[in-house]
Every structure is written in structure tokens, then in C-alpha cells.
N, C-alpha and C. Protein backbone atom coordinates (compact mmCIF):
# COMPACT_ATOMS: atom_id res chain seq x y z
N THR A 1 -9.75 -75.62 -82.50
CA THR A 1 -10.59 -74.60 -81.93
C THR A 1 -12.03 -75.06 -81.75
N ALA A 2 -12.28 -76.35 -82.00
CA ALA A 2 -13.65 -76.85 -81.89
C ALA A 2 -13.64 -78.37 -81.76
N PHE A 3 -14.78 -78.90 -81.43
CA PHE A 3 -14.98 -80.34 -81.41
C PHE A 3 -15.87 -80.68 -82.59
N LEU A 4 -15.47 -81.66 -83.37
CA LEU A 4 -16.25 -82.05 -84.54
C LEU A 4 -16.78 -83.47 -84.36
N TYR A 5 -17.92 -83.73 -84.97
CA TYR A 5 -18.51 -85.06 -84.97
C TYR A 5 -19.34 -85.18 -86.24
N PRO A 6 -19.61 -86.38 -86.71
CA PRO A 6 -20.38 -86.56 -87.94
C PRO A 6 -21.82 -86.07 -87.77
N PRO A 7 -22.33 -85.34 -88.76
CA PRO A 7 -23.72 -84.87 -88.68
C PRO A 7 -24.69 -86.05 -88.53
N GLY A 8 -25.68 -85.87 -87.67
CA GLY A 8 -26.71 -86.88 -87.49
C GLY A 8 -26.31 -88.05 -86.62
N ASP A 9 -25.10 -88.03 -86.07
CA ASP A 9 -24.62 -89.14 -85.25
C ASP A 9 -24.75 -88.77 -83.77
N ALA A 10 -25.88 -89.14 -83.18
CA ALA A 10 -26.17 -88.77 -81.80
C ALA A 10 -25.15 -89.36 -80.83
N ALA A 11 -24.71 -90.58 -81.08
CA ALA A 11 -23.73 -91.20 -80.18
C ALA A 11 -22.40 -90.45 -80.23
N ALA A 12 -21.99 -90.04 -81.42
CA ALA A 12 -20.74 -89.28 -81.55
C ALA A 12 -20.88 -87.92 -80.88
N LEU A 13 -22.05 -87.29 -81.00
CA LEU A 13 -22.30 -86.02 -80.33
C LEU A 13 -22.19 -86.19 -78.82
N ALA A 14 -22.79 -87.24 -78.29
CA ALA A 14 -22.72 -87.49 -76.86
C ALA A 14 -21.28 -87.71 -76.42
N ASP A 15 -20.51 -88.48 -77.20
CA ASP A 15 -19.09 -88.69 -76.88
C ASP A 15 -18.31 -87.38 -76.91
N THR A 16 -18.61 -86.55 -77.88
CA THR A 16 -17.93 -85.26 -78.01
C THR A 16 -18.25 -84.35 -76.83
N ILE A 17 -19.50 -84.34 -76.41
CA ILE A 17 -19.88 -83.53 -75.25
C ILE A 17 -19.17 -84.04 -74.00
N ARG A 18 -19.10 -85.36 -73.83
CA ARG A 18 -18.38 -85.92 -72.68
C ARG A 18 -16.91 -85.51 -72.73
N GLU A 19 -16.31 -85.56 -73.92
CA GLU A 19 -14.91 -85.16 -74.08
C GLU A 19 -14.71 -83.70 -73.70
N ALA A 20 -15.61 -82.85 -74.14
CA ALA A 20 -15.50 -81.42 -73.81
C ALA A 20 -15.66 -81.18 -72.31
N LEU A 21 -16.61 -81.87 -71.70
CA LEU A 21 -16.84 -81.69 -70.27
C LEU A 21 -15.69 -82.23 -69.42
N ALA A 22 -14.91 -83.14 -69.98
CA ALA A 22 -13.81 -83.75 -69.23
C ALA A 22 -12.53 -82.90 -69.27
N LEU A 23 -12.51 -81.84 -70.07
CA LEU A 23 -11.31 -81.01 -70.16
C LEU A 23 -11.01 -80.36 -68.82
N ASP A 24 -9.73 -80.27 -68.49
CA ASP A 24 -9.37 -79.53 -67.28
C ASP A 24 -9.38 -78.03 -67.60
N SER A 25 -9.26 -77.20 -66.58
CA SER A 25 -9.38 -75.76 -66.78
C SER A 25 -8.30 -75.23 -67.72
N GLY A 26 -7.09 -75.76 -67.65
CA GLY A 26 -6.03 -75.31 -68.55
C GLY A 26 -6.34 -75.60 -70.00
N ALA A 27 -6.87 -76.79 -70.26
CA ALA A 27 -7.23 -77.17 -71.63
C ALA A 27 -8.39 -76.31 -72.14
N ARG A 28 -9.36 -76.03 -71.27
CA ARG A 28 -10.48 -75.16 -71.67
C ARG A 28 -9.99 -73.77 -72.00
N GLU A 29 -9.08 -73.24 -71.18
CA GLU A 29 -8.54 -71.90 -71.42
C GLU A 29 -7.75 -71.86 -72.73
N ARG A 30 -6.95 -72.90 -73.01
CA ARG A 30 -6.19 -72.94 -74.27
C ARG A 30 -7.13 -73.01 -75.47
N LEU A 31 -8.14 -73.85 -75.39
CA LEU A 31 -9.11 -73.98 -76.47
C LEU A 31 -9.81 -72.65 -76.72
N ALA A 32 -10.21 -71.98 -75.66
CA ALA A 32 -10.88 -70.69 -75.79
C ALA A 32 -9.94 -69.65 -76.41
N ALA A 33 -8.70 -69.62 -75.97
CA ALA A 33 -7.74 -68.65 -76.51
C ALA A 33 -7.48 -68.91 -77.99
N GLU A 34 -7.36 -70.19 -78.37
CA GLU A 34 -7.15 -70.53 -79.78
C GLU A 34 -8.37 -70.14 -80.62
N ALA A 35 -9.56 -70.35 -80.09
CA ALA A 35 -10.78 -69.99 -80.81
C ALA A 35 -10.86 -68.47 -81.00
N ARG A 36 -10.56 -67.71 -79.94
CA ARG A 36 -10.58 -66.25 -80.05
C ARG A 36 -9.57 -65.76 -81.08
N ALA A 37 -8.37 -66.33 -81.06
CA ALA A 37 -7.33 -65.94 -82.02
C ALA A 37 -7.76 -66.26 -83.45
N HIS A 38 -8.38 -67.41 -83.64
CA HIS A 38 -8.86 -67.81 -84.98
C HIS A 38 -9.91 -66.82 -85.49
N VAL A 39 -10.86 -66.48 -84.64
CA VAL A 39 -11.92 -65.54 -85.04
C VAL A 39 -11.31 -64.18 -85.34
N LYS A 40 -10.43 -63.73 -84.48
CA LYS A 40 -9.81 -62.42 -84.68
C LYS A 40 -9.02 -62.36 -85.98
N ALA A 41 -8.34 -63.45 -86.33
CA ALA A 41 -7.51 -63.49 -87.54
C ALA A 41 -8.33 -63.66 -88.82
N ASN A 42 -9.49 -64.29 -88.72
CA ASN A 42 -10.22 -64.66 -89.93
C ASN A 42 -11.56 -63.96 -90.14
N PHE A 43 -12.05 -63.26 -89.14
CA PHE A 43 -13.39 -62.69 -89.26
C PHE A 43 -13.45 -61.23 -88.88
N ASP A 44 -12.38 -60.49 -89.16
CA ASP A 44 -12.44 -59.05 -88.90
C ASP A 44 -13.27 -58.38 -90.00
N LYS A 45 -13.62 -57.12 -89.79
CA LYS A 45 -14.49 -56.41 -90.70
C LYS A 45 -13.91 -56.33 -92.12
N VAL A 46 -12.63 -56.05 -92.23
CA VAL A 46 -12.00 -55.93 -93.55
C VAL A 46 -12.07 -57.25 -94.30
N HIS A 47 -11.73 -58.34 -93.62
CA HIS A 47 -11.76 -59.66 -94.26
C HIS A 47 -13.18 -60.03 -94.68
N MET A 48 -14.14 -59.82 -93.81
CA MET A 48 -15.52 -60.18 -94.11
C MET A 48 -16.08 -59.36 -95.26
N CYS A 49 -15.77 -58.06 -95.30
CA CYS A 49 -16.23 -57.21 -96.41
C CYS A 49 -15.61 -57.67 -97.73
N ALA A 50 -14.32 -57.98 -97.71
CA ALA A 50 -13.65 -58.45 -98.92
C ALA A 50 -14.25 -59.77 -99.40
N ALA A 51 -14.54 -60.67 -98.49
CA ALA A 51 -15.14 -61.95 -98.86
C ALA A 51 -16.54 -61.77 -99.42
N THR A 52 -17.32 -60.85 -98.84
CA THR A 52 -18.67 -60.58 -99.33
C THR A 52 -18.62 -59.98 -100.73
N LEU A 53 -17.72 -59.01 -100.94
CA LEU A 53 -17.58 -58.42 -102.27
C LEU A 53 -17.15 -59.46 -103.31
N ALA A 54 -16.24 -60.33 -102.92
CA ALA A 54 -15.80 -61.38 -103.85
C ALA A 54 -16.96 -62.29 -104.22
N LEU A 55 -17.80 -62.61 -103.27
CA LEU A 55 -18.96 -63.45 -103.55
C LEU A 55 -19.92 -62.73 -104.49
N TYR A 56 -20.21 -61.46 -104.22
CA TYR A 56 -21.10 -60.69 -105.10
C TYR A 56 -20.54 -60.64 -106.52
N ARG A 57 -19.23 -60.41 -106.64
CA ARG A 57 -18.61 -60.35 -107.96
C ARG A 57 -18.73 -61.69 -108.69
N ALA A 58 -18.53 -62.76 -107.96
CA ALA A 58 -18.63 -64.10 -108.58
C ALA A 58 -20.06 -64.37 -109.06
N VAL A 59 -21.04 -64.00 -108.26
CA VAL A 59 -22.44 -64.20 -108.65
C VAL A 59 -22.77 -63.34 -109.88
N LEU A 60 -22.33 -62.11 -109.87
CA LEU A 60 -22.59 -61.24 -111.02
C LEU A 60 -21.89 -61.76 -112.28
N ALA A 61 -20.69 -62.27 -112.12
CA ALA A 61 -19.95 -62.81 -113.28
C ALA A 61 -20.68 -64.01 -113.86
N GLU A 62 -21.27 -64.84 -113.03
CA GLU A 62 -22.03 -65.99 -113.51
C GLU A 62 -23.27 -65.55 -114.28
N ARG A 63 -23.90 -64.51 -113.81
CA ARG A 63 -25.15 -64.05 -114.43
C ARG A 63 -24.89 -63.32 -115.74
N THR A 64 -23.72 -62.69 -115.87
CA THR A 64 -23.46 -61.90 -117.07
C THR A 64 -22.61 -62.62 -118.09
N GLY A 65 -22.01 -63.71 -117.68
CA GLY A 65 -21.10 -64.23 -118.65
C GLY A 65 -20.99 -65.64 -118.83
């Protein structure tokens, strides 16, 4: 659902951009559909609230115990 490259590596970033620009329309549409599905499955309101509460609980547990 994304293109990755090593942080701070300008040459790798340039190669990655060239790779993305070279995609045909079908590949772009598939990548976009996969990205939308990933976001929909992993970042809905219920999931995000549960993850936030879990983080708050973990922080509080560290401070109290």
C-alpha cells in the first residue's frame, strides 16, 4: 500500500519516485484500492479509540506501578 525507502537516502527516494511515476493506470488504481482498504480496516473510529485508551492505560500503569 506504499513505497518505502531508507530514511535520509535521497537517491533511494528519487528511485522510489521514479518507480511510482512509472506505474500504469491499472497498477495505480490497485495500489489506491489496497491503501483505502488498509485504512478502512485499521483506522476506523472504534479501533482508534480502543488503541488510544490502551495507550492511556499503559502510561497510567507505568506511573502507578
